[in-house]
Amino acid sequence: MKSNIHIVGLSKHCAKTMLSVIEAAAASEKVHTNRFDVYDDNHEIISCLKAISVHHESGLQDPSARNIVDIFITSAPLHCENALNCLNENSWLITDANAFEDILNHPEKVDVYKKIKSHDRHIMITAQEIASEHGDERVCGLVLLGAASKLIPISESGLVKSIYKILLNKKESIIRSNIEAFREGKKASEEYLSSDLS
């Protein structure tokens, strides 16, 4: 099993934390990871986009396979529009619904919602709201990681242990808040998918 994960629209802190958690959890479960750059049509690196491949096979992955996006995680609606152009029918799009509220008079707001919902495999949760409830919007990345956790070939317990390990030098209350944010993201994802099916 392999997952190419693209992360975009998040702060450097959020993206870095997400990548660190994935890598630490993968290492503990002997799952391989490779970070890689993504290029635009002009063959220039897209600096705001972070990408990582999580896979069970050792060795470098076929570079051509990097163009296949299995999981696209973002907190920015405009990136969702761009993502839909590079996703296939098996790809997952995971986004923060709250992000739409931050864009005043967004002319295509309804259209963007429709486009996201037109992609069968999508999850839209209120990640920033959940993060705020846990006292820090910077945990938004972990909320979205929780939402994506079932799709990544790493166990939930492995990801939780990695959050604890990475934040080991922080106060216990901060560690607990981050882990709860991750679990709330997973719960919100499950609720969204079940409501979408009903």
N, C-alpha and C. Protein backbone atom coordinates (compact mmCIF):
# COMPACT_ATOMS: atom_id res chain seq x y z
N MET A 1 0.85 -1.20 0.00
CA MET A 1 0.00 0.00 0.00
C MET A 1 0.88 1.24 0.00
N LYS A 2 0.46 2.26 -0.79
CA LYS A 2 1.24 3.48 -0.89
C LYS A 2 0.30 4.68 -0.89
N SER A 3 0.75 5.78 -0.30
CA SER A 3 -0.02 7.02 -0.33
C SER A 3 0.92 8.18 -0.64
N ASN A 4 0.65 8.89 -1.73
CA ASN A 4 1.31 10.15 -2.00
C ASN A 4 0.43 11.24 -1.40
N ILE A 5 0.96 11.96 -0.43
CA ILE A 5 0.18 12.97 0.29
C ILE A 5 0.70 14.35 -0.05
N HIS A 6 -0.19 15.22 -0.52
CA HIS A 6 0.16 16.62 -0.78
C HIS A 6 -0.51 17.49 0.27
N ILE A 7 0.28 18.37 0.88
CA ILE A 7 -0.21 19.26 1.94
C ILE A 7 0.01 20.71 1.47
N VAL A 8 -1.05 21.48 1.42
CA VAL A 8 -0.91 22.86 0.93
C VAL A 8 -1.91 23.77 1.64
N GLY A 9 -1.54 25.06 1.74
CA GLY A 9 -2.45 26.03 2.33
C GLY A 9 -2.38 26.12 3.84
N LEU A 10 -1.46 25.38 4.44
CA LEU A 10 -1.28 25.42 5.90
C LEU A 10 -0.04 26.22 6.23
N SER A 11 0.04 26.72 7.45
CA SER A 11 1.23 27.45 7.88
C SER A 11 2.43 26.51 7.89
N LYS A 12 3.62 27.08 7.87
CA LYS A 12 4.84 26.26 7.89
C LYS A 12 4.86 25.38 9.14
N HIS A 13 4.41 25.96 10.27
CA HIS A 13 4.40 25.22 11.54
C HIS A 13 3.48 24.01 11.43
N CYS A 14 2.28 24.21 10.91
CA CYS A 14 1.31 23.11 10.78
C CYS A 14 1.83 22.02 9.85
N ALA A 15 2.34 22.44 8.69
CA ALA A 15 2.83 21.47 7.70
C ALA A 15 4.02 20.69 8.25
N LYS A 16 4.93 21.40 8.92
CA LYS A 16 6.11 20.74 9.49
C LYS A 16 5.72 19.72 10.55
N THR A 17 4.76 20.09 11.41
CA THR A 17 4.30 19.16 12.45
C THR A 17 3.67 17.93 11.83
N MET A 18 2.82 18.13 10.83
CA MET A 18 2.17 16.99 10.16
C MET A 18 3.20 16.03 9.57
N LEU A 19 4.16 16.59 8.84
CA LEU A 19 5.18 15.75 8.21
C LEU A 19 6.01 15.01 9.25
N SER A 20 6.37 15.70 10.34
CA SER A 20 7.17 15.08 11.40
C SER A 20 6.43 13.93 12.06
N VAL A 21 5.13 14.12 12.29
CA VAL A 21 4.32 13.07 12.92
C VAL A 21 4.24 11.85 11.99
N ILE A 22 3.99 12.09 10.71
CA ILE A 22 3.90 10.99 9.74
C ILE A 22 5.22 10.23 9.67
N GLU A 23 6.33 10.95 9.59
CA GLU A 23 7.64 10.30 9.47
C GLU A 23 7.99 9.51 10.73
N ALA A 24 7.73 10.09 11.90
CA ALA A 24 8.05 9.39 13.15
C ALA A 24 7.20 8.14 13.31
N ALA A 25 5.91 8.24 12.98
CA ALA A 25 5.02 7.08 13.09
C ALA A 25 5.41 6.00 12.09
N ALA A 26 5.76 6.41 10.88
CA ALA A 26 6.17 5.46 9.84
C ALA A 26 7.44 4.71 10.27
N ALA A 27 8.40 5.45 10.82
CA ALA A 27 9.66 4.83 11.25
C ALA A 27 9.41 3.79 12.34
N SER A 28 8.49 4.09 13.26
CA SER A 28 8.22 3.16 14.35
C SER A 28 7.53 1.89 13.87
N GLU A 29 6.84 1.98 12.73
CA GLU A 29 6.13 0.82 12.20
C GLU A 29 6.84 0.21 10.98
N LYS A 30 8.10 0.67 10.77
CA LYS A 30 8.91 0.18 9.65
C LYS A 30 8.22 0.38 8.30
N VAL A 31 7.56 1.53 8.19
CA VAL A 31 6.96 1.96 6.93
C VAL A 31 7.88 3.04 6.37
N HIS A 32 8.07 3.05 5.06
CA HIS A 32 9.01 3.97 4.43
C HIS A 32 8.34 5.28 4.03
N THR A 33 9.10 6.37 4.10
CA THR A 33 8.61 7.67 3.65
C THR A 33 9.67 8.36 2.82
N ASN A 34 9.23 9.17 1.88
CA ASN A 34 10.11 10.02 1.09
C ASN A 34 9.44 11.37 0.91
N ARG A 35 10.13 12.44 1.32
CA ARG A 35 9.62 13.77 0.98
C ARG A 35 10.10 14.08 -0.43
N PHE A 36 9.28 14.81 -1.18
CA PHE A 36 9.71 15.17 -2.53
C PHE A 36 9.11 16.50 -2.95
N ASP A 37 9.72 17.12 -3.95
CA ASP A 37 9.24 18.40 -4.46
C ASP A 37 8.23 18.18 -5.56
N VAL A 38 7.31 19.11 -5.68
CA VAL A 38 6.32 19.08 -6.75
C VAL A 38 6.57 20.31 -7.62
N TYR A 39 6.54 20.10 -8.93
CA TYR A 39 6.84 21.17 -9.88
C TYR A 39 5.60 21.63 -10.62
N ASP A 40 5.58 22.91 -10.97
CA ASP A 40 4.47 23.44 -11.76
C ASP A 40 4.73 23.22 -13.25
N ASP A 41 3.86 23.78 -14.08
CA ASP A 41 3.98 23.59 -15.52
C ASP A 41 5.25 24.22 -16.10
N ASN A 42 5.83 25.16 -15.35
CA ASN A 42 7.08 25.81 -15.80
C ASN A 42 8.31 25.13 -15.21
N HIS A 43 8.09 23.95 -14.62
CA HIS A 43 9.17 23.15 -14.02
C HIS A 43 9.84 23.84 -12.85
N GLU A 44 9.07 24.66 -12.15
CA GLU A 44 9.57 25.31 -10.94
C GLU A 44 8.90 24.68 -9.72
N ILE A 45 9.67 24.58 -8.62
CA ILE A 45 9.14 23.96 -7.41
C ILE A 45 8.00 24.80 -6.84
N ILE A 46 6.90 24.14 -6.48
CA ILE A 46 5.79 24.82 -5.83
C ILE A 46 6.13 24.87 -4.33
N SER A 47 6.64 26.01 -3.89
CA SER A 47 7.20 26.11 -2.53
C SER A 47 6.16 25.96 -1.43
N CYS A 48 4.89 26.35 -1.70
CA CYS A 48 3.88 26.28 -0.65
C CYS A 48 3.31 24.88 -0.49
N LEU A 49 3.72 23.97 -1.36
CA LEU A 49 3.18 22.61 -1.32
C LEU A 49 4.23 21.64 -0.78
N LYS A 50 3.87 20.90 0.26
CA LYS A 50 4.75 19.89 0.83
C LYS A 50 4.21 18.51 0.44
N ALA A 51 5.09 17.62 0.06
CA ALA A 51 4.64 16.30 -0.40
C ALA A 51 5.47 15.20 0.24
N ILE A 52 4.80 14.11 0.57
CA ILE A 52 5.47 12.97 1.18
C ILE A 52 4.81 11.69 0.67
N SER A 53 5.64 10.70 0.42
CA SER A 53 5.14 9.39 0.00
C SER A 53 5.31 8.43 1.17
N VAL A 54 4.25 7.69 1.48
CA VAL A 54 4.27 6.70 2.57
C VAL A 54 4.01 5.35 1.93
N HIS A 55 4.96 4.42 2.09
CA HIS A 55 4.83 3.15 1.38
C HIS A 55 5.52 2.01 2.12
N HIS A 56 5.12 0.80 1.83
CA HIS A 56 5.65 -0.38 2.50
C HIS A 56 6.86 -0.98 1.81
N GLU A 57 7.17 -0.50 0.62
CA GLU A 57 8.30 -1.06 -0.13
C GLU A 57 9.53 -0.19 0.06
N SER A 58 10.67 -0.83 0.25
CA SER A 58 11.91 -0.08 0.44
C SER A 58 12.42 0.42 -0.90
N GLY A 59 13.36 1.34 -0.84
CA GLY A 59 13.93 1.88 -2.07
C GLY A 59 13.17 3.11 -2.53
N LEU A 60 13.76 3.81 -3.48
CA LEU A 60 13.14 5.02 -4.01
C LEU A 60 11.95 4.66 -4.89
N GLN A 61 10.93 5.48 -4.81
CA GLN A 61 9.75 5.27 -5.63
C GLN A 61 9.97 5.79 -7.04
N ASP A 62 9.26 5.23 -7.98
CA ASP A 62 9.29 5.69 -9.37
C ASP A 62 8.90 7.16 -9.41
N PRO A 63 9.79 8.05 -9.90
CA PRO A 63 9.47 9.48 -9.91
C PRO A 63 8.17 9.80 -10.63
N SER A 64 7.82 9.03 -11.65
CA SER A 64 6.59 9.30 -12.40
C SER A 64 5.36 9.09 -11.53
N ALA A 65 5.49 8.23 -10.49
CA ALA A 65 4.37 7.95 -9.61
C ALA A 65 4.07 9.12 -8.68
N ARG A 66 5.02 10.06 -8.60
CA ARG A 66 4.83 11.21 -7.71
C ARG A 66 3.72 12.14 -8.21
N ASN A 67 3.42 12.04 -9.48
CA ASN A 67 2.36 12.89 -10.03
C ASN A 67 0.97 12.40 -9.63
N ILE A 68 0.90 11.20 -9.08
CA ILE A 68 -0.38 10.64 -8.65
C ILE A 68 -0.63 11.08 -7.21
N VAL A 69 -1.67 11.87 -7.01
CA VAL A 69 -1.99 12.37 -5.67
C VAL A 69 -3.05 11.46 -5.06
N ASP A 70 -2.69 10.76 -4.00
CA ASP A 70 -3.64 9.87 -3.32
C ASP A 70 -4.47 10.62 -2.28
N ILE A 71 -3.80 11.54 -1.56
CA ILE A 71 -4.48 12.31 -0.51
C ILE A 71 -4.02 13.77 -0.63
N PHE A 72 -4.97 14.66 -0.81
CA PHE A 72 -4.67 16.09 -0.91
C PHE A 72 -5.30 16.78 0.30
N ILE A 73 -4.45 17.33 1.17
CA ILE A 73 -4.92 17.96 2.40
C ILE A 73 -4.68 19.46 2.32
N THR A 74 -5.73 20.25 2.55
CA THR A 74 -5.57 21.70 2.48
C THR A 74 -6.54 22.41 3.41
N SER A 75 -6.18 23.64 3.77
CA SER A 75 -7.09 24.47 4.55
C SER A 75 -7.52 25.69 3.75
N ALA A 76 -7.18 25.72 2.46
CA ALA A 76 -7.48 26.88 1.63
C ALA A 76 -8.38 26.49 0.45
N PRO A 77 -9.53 27.13 0.32
CA PRO A 77 -10.48 26.77 -0.74
C PRO A 77 -9.94 26.90 -2.15
N LEU A 78 -9.13 27.93 -2.39
CA LEU A 78 -8.61 28.11 -3.74
C LEU A 78 -7.71 26.95 -4.15
N HIS A 79 -7.00 26.38 -3.18
CA HIS A 79 -6.16 25.22 -3.48
C HIS A 79 -7.02 24.01 -3.83
N CYS A 80 -8.22 23.95 -3.27
CA CYS A 80 -9.13 22.85 -3.58
C CYS A 80 -9.46 22.85 -5.07
N GLU A 81 -9.69 24.05 -5.60
CA GLU A 81 -10.01 24.16 -7.02
C GLU A 81 -8.85 23.63 -7.86
N ASN A 82 -7.63 24.01 -7.49
CA ASN A 82 -6.46 23.53 -8.22
C ASN A 82 -6.27 22.03 -8.05
N ALA A 83 -6.56 21.54 -6.84
CA ALA A 83 -6.37 20.11 -6.55
C ALA A 83 -7.23 19.24 -7.43
N LEU A 84 -8.45 19.69 -7.69
CA LEU A 84 -9.37 18.87 -8.47
C LEU A 84 -8.84 18.57 -9.87
N ASN A 85 -7.91 19.41 -10.35
CA ASN A 85 -7.33 19.18 -11.67
C ASN A 85 -6.29 18.07 -11.67
N CYS A 86 -5.76 17.72 -10.48
CA CYS A 86 -4.69 16.70 -10.43
C CYS A 86 -5.12 15.44 -9.70
N LEU A 87 -6.40 15.38 -9.30
CA LEU A 87 -6.90 14.19 -8.61
C LEU A 87 -7.54 13.24 -9.60
N ASN A 88 -7.44 11.95 -9.30
CA ASN A 88 -8.17 10.98 -10.10
C ASN A 88 -9.33 10.43 -9.27
N GLU A 89 -10.08 9.50 -9.79
CA GLU A 89 -11.28 9.02 -9.09
C GLU A 89 -10.97 8.30 -7.78
N ASN A 90 -9.72 7.87 -7.61
CA ASN A 90 -9.33 7.17 -6.38
C ASN A 90 -8.69 8.09 -5.34
N SER A 91 -8.47 9.36 -5.72
CA SER A 91 -7.82 10.31 -4.82
C SER A 91 -8.81 10.86 -3.79
N TRP A 92 -8.27 11.22 -2.63
CA TRP A 92 -9.08 11.84 -1.57
C TRP A 92 -8.72 13.31 -1.43
N LEU A 93 -9.73 14.15 -1.29
CA LEU A 93 -9.55 15.58 -1.05
C LEU A 93 -10.07 15.88 0.35
N ILE A 94 -9.20 16.40 1.21
CA ILE A 94 -9.58 16.70 2.60
C ILE A 94 -9.34 18.18 2.85
N THR A 95 -10.40 18.89 3.23
CA THR A 95 -10.27 20.34 3.37
C THR A 95 -11.01 20.87 4.60
N ASP A 96 -10.66 22.10 4.93
CA ASP A 96 -11.26 22.79 6.06
C ASP A 96 -12.41 23.66 5.56
N ALA A 97 -13.62 23.35 5.97
CA ALA A 97 -14.79 24.13 5.55
C ALA A 97 -14.74 25.55 6.09
N ASN A 98 -14.12 25.75 7.25
CA ASN A 98 -14.05 27.09 7.84
C ASN A 98 -13.31 28.08 6.96
N ALA A 99 -12.39 27.59 6.19
CA ALA A 99 -11.54 28.49 5.39
C ALA A 99 -12.38 29.37 4.46
N PHE A 100 -13.53 28.89 4.06
CA PHE A 100 -14.38 29.67 3.18
C PHE A 100 -14.90 30.93 3.88
N GLU A 101 -15.07 30.84 5.19
CA GLU A 101 -15.62 31.97 5.93
C GLU A 101 -14.62 33.12 6.02
N ASP A 102 -13.34 32.84 5.81
CA ASP A 102 -12.32 33.86 5.94
C ASP A 102 -12.16 34.70 4.66
N ILE A 103 -12.85 34.30 3.60
CA ILE A 103 -12.70 35.00 2.34
C ILE A 103 -13.97 35.82 2.08
N LEU A 104 -13.88 37.12 2.29
CA LEU A 104 -15.05 37.98 2.14
C LEU A 104 -15.42 38.12 0.67
N ASN A 105 -16.69 38.02 0.40
CA ASN A 105 -17.21 38.22 -0.96
C ASN A 105 -16.55 37.32 -2.00
N HIS A 106 -16.21 36.12 -1.58
CA HIS A 106 -15.63 35.16 -2.53
C HIS A 106 -16.70 34.87 -3.59
N PRO A 107 -16.48 35.31 -4.84
CA PRO A 107 -17.54 35.22 -5.85
C PRO A 107 -17.94 33.80 -6.22
N GLU A 108 -17.01 32.86 -6.09
CA GLU A 108 -17.33 31.49 -6.50
C GLU A 108 -17.46 30.56 -5.30
N LYS A 109 -17.80 31.11 -4.14
CA LYS A 109 -17.86 30.30 -2.92
C LYS A 109 -18.77 29.09 -3.09
N VAL A 110 -19.97 29.32 -3.57
CA VAL A 110 -20.92 28.22 -3.76
C VAL A 110 -20.41 27.26 -4.81
N ASP A 111 -19.82 27.82 -5.87
CA ASP A 111 -19.28 26.96 -6.94
C ASP A 111 -18.16 26.07 -6.45
N VAL A 112 -17.31 26.63 -5.56
CA VAL A 112 -16.21 25.83 -5.01
C VAL A 112 -16.76 24.67 -4.19
N TYR A 113 -17.76 24.96 -3.36
CA TYR A 113 -18.41 23.89 -2.59
C TYR A 113 -18.92 22.80 -3.52
N LYS A 114 -19.59 23.21 -4.57
CA LYS A 114 -20.16 22.25 -5.52
C LYS A 114 -19.08 21.41 -6.18
N LYS A 115 -17.98 22.07 -6.54
CA LYS A 115 -16.87 21.36 -7.19
C LYS A 115 -16.26 20.32 -6.25
N ILE A 116 -16.08 20.71 -4.98
CA ILE A 116 -15.51 19.78 -4.00
C ILE A 116 -16.45 18.59 -3.83
N LYS A 117 -17.74 18.89 -3.69
CA LYS A 117 -18.72 17.82 -3.46
C LYS A 117 -18.92 16.95 -4.70
N SER A 118 -18.53 17.48 -5.87
CA SER A 118 -18.65 16.68 -7.09
C SER A 118 -17.60 15.58 -7.14
N HIS A 119 -16.53 15.76 -6.34
CA HIS A 119 -15.49 14.72 -6.26
C HIS A 119 -15.94 13.71 -5.21
N ASP A 120 -16.20 12.49 -5.63
CA ASP A 120 -16.80 11.50 -4.72
C ASP A 120 -16.03 11.33 -3.42
N ARG A 121 -14.72 11.27 -3.52
CA ARG A 121 -13.90 11.02 -2.33
C ARG A 121 -13.40 12.33 -1.73
N HIS A 122 -14.24 12.95 -0.93
CA HIS A 122 -13.86 14.21 -0.29
C HIS A 122 -14.34 14.20 1.16
N ILE A 123 -13.63 14.97 1.98
CA ILE A 123 -13.99 15.15 3.38
C ILE A 123 -13.85 16.63 3.69
N MET A 124 -14.91 17.25 4.20
CA MET A 124 -14.89 18.66 4.51
C MET A 124 -15.30 18.83 5.97
N ILE A 125 -14.38 19.28 6.81
CA ILE A 125 -14.65 19.43 8.24
C ILE A 125 -14.30 20.85 8.70
N THR A 126 -14.79 21.22 9.86
CA THR A 126 -14.50 22.56 10.41
C THR A 126 -13.22 22.50 11.24
N ALA A 127 -12.10 22.33 10.55
CA ALA A 127 -10.82 22.10 11.23
C ALA A 127 -10.37 23.27 12.09
N GLN A 128 -10.49 24.50 11.58
CA GLN A 128 -10.05 25.66 12.36
C GLN A 128 -10.91 25.82 13.62
N GLU A 129 -12.20 25.55 13.48
CA GLU A 129 -13.10 25.64 14.62
C GLU A 129 -12.72 24.62 15.69
N ILE A 130 -12.44 23.39 15.25
CA ILE A 130 -12.03 22.34 16.19
C ILE A 130 -10.71 22.73 16.86
N ALA A 131 -9.79 23.27 16.07
CA ALA A 131 -8.49 23.69 16.62
C ALA A 131 -8.68 24.78 17.67
N SER A 132 -9.55 25.74 17.39
CA SER A 132 -9.81 26.84 18.33
C SER A 132 -10.39 26.31 19.63
N GLU A 133 -11.24 25.30 19.52
CA GLU A 133 -11.84 24.70 20.72
C GLU A 133 -10.78 24.06 21.61
N HIS A 134 -9.65 23.71 20.99
CA HIS A 134 -8.55 23.12 21.76
C HIS A 134 -7.48 24.15 22.10
N GLY A 135 -7.86 25.42 21.94
CA GLY A 135 -7.02 26.50 22.44
C GLY A 135 -5.94 27.03 21.54
N ASP A 136 -5.78 26.50 20.34
CA ASP A 136 -4.69 26.95 19.49
C ASP A 136 -4.98 26.58 18.03
N GLU A 137 -5.14 27.59 17.17
CA GLU A 137 -5.42 27.33 15.77
C GLU A 137 -4.26 26.63 15.07
N ARG A 138 -3.09 26.64 15.69
CA ARG A 138 -1.93 25.99 15.08
C ARG A 138 -2.05 24.46 15.07
N VAL A 139 -3.02 23.92 15.82
CA VAL A 139 -3.21 22.47 15.79
C VAL A 139 -4.15 22.06 14.65
N CYS A 140 -4.52 23.04 13.80
CA CYS A 140 -5.39 22.77 12.65
C CYS A 140 -4.82 21.64 11.79
N GLY A 141 -3.50 21.63 11.64
CA GLY A 141 -2.86 20.58 10.83
C GLY A 141 -3.10 19.19 11.40
N LEU A 142 -3.05 19.08 12.73
CA LEU A 142 -3.28 17.78 13.36
C LEU A 142 -4.75 17.37 13.27
N VAL A 143 -5.65 18.36 13.26
CA VAL A 143 -7.07 18.06 13.06
C VAL A 143 -7.25 17.45 11.67
N LEU A 144 -6.65 18.06 10.66
CA LEU A 144 -6.76 17.56 9.29
C LEU A 144 -6.04 16.22 9.13
N LEU A 145 -4.93 16.04 9.86
CA LEU A 145 -4.24 14.75 9.83
C LEU A 145 -5.13 13.67 10.42
N GLY A 146 -5.85 14.02 11.49
CA GLY A 146 -6.79 13.07 12.08
C GLY A 146 -7.87 12.68 11.08
N ALA A 147 -8.33 13.67 10.32
CA ALA A 147 -9.35 13.40 9.31
C ALA A 147 -8.85 12.47 8.22
N ALA A 148 -7.54 12.54 7.95
CA ALA A 148 -6.94 11.71 6.89
C ALA A 148 -6.38 10.39 7.41
N SER A 149 -6.37 10.22 8.72
CA SER A 149 -5.61 9.11 9.33
C SER A 149 -6.01 7.72 8.84
N LYS A 150 -7.29 7.51 8.55
CA LYS A 150 -7.72 6.18 8.10
C LYS A 150 -7.23 5.86 6.69
N LEU A 151 -6.81 6.88 5.97
CA LEU A 151 -6.39 6.70 4.58
C LEU A 151 -4.88 6.49 4.45
N ILE A 152 -4.16 6.77 5.53
CA ILE A 152 -2.70 6.66 5.52
C ILE A 152 -2.29 5.28 6.03
N PRO A 153 -1.36 4.61 5.37
CA PRO A 153 -0.97 3.25 5.78
C PRO A 153 -0.12 3.18 7.05
N ILE A 154 -0.60 3.86 8.09
CA ILE A 154 0.04 3.87 9.41
C ILE A 154 -1.09 3.78 10.43
N SER A 155 -0.88 3.06 11.52
CA SER A 155 -1.95 2.89 12.51
C SER A 155 -2.24 4.20 13.24
N GLU A 156 -3.47 4.33 13.72
CA GLU A 156 -3.85 5.50 14.50
C GLU A 156 -3.01 5.60 15.77
N SER A 157 -2.79 4.46 16.42
CA SER A 157 -2.00 4.47 17.65
C SER A 157 -0.56 4.93 17.38
N GLY A 158 -0.04 4.55 16.22
CA GLY A 158 1.31 4.98 15.84
C GLY A 158 1.38 6.49 15.66
N LEU A 159 0.37 7.07 15.04
CA LEU A 159 0.33 8.52 14.84
C LEU A 159 0.18 9.24 16.18
N VAL A 160 -0.66 8.72 17.07
CA VAL A 160 -0.86 9.34 18.39
C VAL A 160 0.43 9.30 19.19
N LYS A 161 1.11 8.15 19.18
CA LYS A 161 2.38 8.02 19.90
C LYS A 161 3.42 9.01 19.36
N SER A 162 3.39 9.23 18.05
CA SER A 162 4.35 10.16 17.44
C SER A 162 4.06 11.60 17.84
N ILE A 163 2.78 11.95 17.94
CA ILE A 163 2.43 13.30 18.42
C ILE A 163 3.01 13.50 19.82
N TYR A 164 2.82 12.49 20.67
CA TYR A 164 3.33 12.55 22.05
C TYR A 164 4.85 12.69 22.05
N LYS A 165 5.50 11.90 21.20
CA LYS A 165 6.97 11.89 21.15
C LYS A 165 7.52 13.24 20.68
N ILE A 166 6.90 13.80 19.64
CA ILE A 166 7.37 15.06 19.07
C ILE A 166 7.17 16.23 20.03
N LEU A 167 6.13 16.15 20.84
CA LEU A 167 5.81 17.23 21.78
C LEU A 167 6.26 16.94 23.21
N LEU A 168 7.15 15.97 23.35
CA LEU A 168 7.55 15.49 24.66
C LEU A 168 8.09 16.59 25.58
N ASN A 169 8.68 17.62 25.00
CA ASN A 169 9.25 18.70 25.83
C ASN A 169 8.23 19.78 26.18
N LYS A 170 6.97 19.58 25.75
CA LYS A 170 5.91 20.55 26.05
C LYS A 170 5.17 20.14 27.33
N LYS A 171 4.33 21.02 27.81
CA LYS A 171 3.51 20.70 28.99
C LYS A 171 2.55 19.56 28.65
N GLU A 172 2.22 18.77 29.65
CA GLU A 172 1.31 17.64 29.45
C GLU A 172 -0.04 18.10 28.89
N SER A 173 -0.51 19.27 29.33
CA SER A 173 -1.79 19.78 28.87
C SER A 173 -1.76 20.10 27.37
N ILE A 174 -0.60 20.57 26.89
CA ILE A 174 -0.45 20.89 25.46
C ILE A 174 -0.43 19.61 24.64
N ILE A 175 0.29 18.61 25.13
CA ILE A 175 0.35 17.32 24.45
C ILE A 175 -1.05 16.72 24.36
N ARG A 176 -1.76 16.75 25.46
CA ARG A 176 -3.11 16.17 25.51
C ARG A 176 -4.05 16.91 24.55
N SER A 177 -3.91 18.24 24.50
CA SER A 177 -4.75 19.05 23.62
C SER A 177 -4.50 18.72 22.15
N ASN A 178 -3.24 18.50 21.79
CA ASN A 178 -2.88 18.16 20.41
C ASN A 178 -3.43 16.79 20.03
N ILE A 179 -3.32 15.84 20.94
CA ILE A 179 -3.83 14.48 20.67
C ILE A 179 -5.35 14.51 20.56
N GLU A 180 -5.99 15.28 21.42
CA GLU A 180 -7.46 15.40 21.36
C GLU A 180 -7.89 16.05 20.04
N ALA A 181 -7.12 17.03 19.57
CA ALA A 181 -7.43 17.70 18.30
C ALA A 181 -7.35 16.70 17.15
N PHE A 182 -6.32 15.86 17.17
CA PHE A 182 -6.16 14.80 16.16
C PHE A 182 -7.38 13.87 16.18
N ARG A 183 -7.77 13.44 17.36
CA ARG A 183 -8.90 12.50 17.49
C ARG A 183 -10.23 13.15 17.10
N GLU A 184 -10.37 14.44 17.41
CA GLU A 184 -11.58 15.15 17.01
C GLU A 184 -11.66 15.27 15.48
N GLY A 185 -10.50 15.45 14.85
CA GLY A 185 -10.47 15.49 13.39
C GLY A 185 -10.90 14.17 12.78
N LYS A 186 -10.44 13.08 13.37
CA LYS A 186 -10.84 11.74 12.92
C LYS A 186 -12.35 11.54 13.10
N LYS A 187 -12.85 11.96 14.26
CA LYS A 187 -14.28 11.82 14.55
C LYS A 187 -15.12 12.65 13.58
N ALA A 188 -14.69 13.89 13.32
CA ALA A 188 -15.41 14.77 12.40
C ALA A 188 -15.43 14.19 11.00
N SER A 189 -14.33 13.58 10.61
CA SER A 189 -14.24 12.93 9.30
C SER A 189 -15.24 11.78 9.19
N GLU A 190 -15.30 10.96 10.21
CA GLU A 190 -16.22 9.81 10.22
C GLU A 190 -17.68 10.29 10.17
N GLU A 191 -17.97 11.36 10.92
CA GLU A 191 -19.33 11.89 10.94
C GLU A 191 -19.70 12.49 9.58
N TYR A 192 -18.74 13.15 8.94
CA TYR A 192 -18.99 13.75 7.63
C TYR A 192 -19.28 12.66 6.60
N LEU A 193 -18.46 11.61 6.61
CA LEU A 193 -18.65 10.54 5.65
C LEU A 193 -19.97 9.81 5.86
N SER A 194 -20.34 9.59 7.12
CA SER A 194 -21.60 8.88 7.39
C SER A 194 -22.80 9.74 7.01
N SER A 195 -22.70 11.06 7.22
CA SER A 195 -23.81 11.95 6.85
C SER A 195 -23.91 12.11 5.34
N ASP A 196 -22.76 12.03 4.68
CA ASP A 196 -22.73 12.16 3.22
C ASP A 196 -23.38 10.95 2.54
N LEU A 197 -23.31 9.81 3.24
CA LEU A 197 -23.89 8.58 2.68
C LEU A 197 -25.39 8.47 2.95
N SER A 198 -25.84 9.15 3.99
CA SER A 198 -27.26 9.03 4.38
C SER A 198 -28.16 9.91 3.50
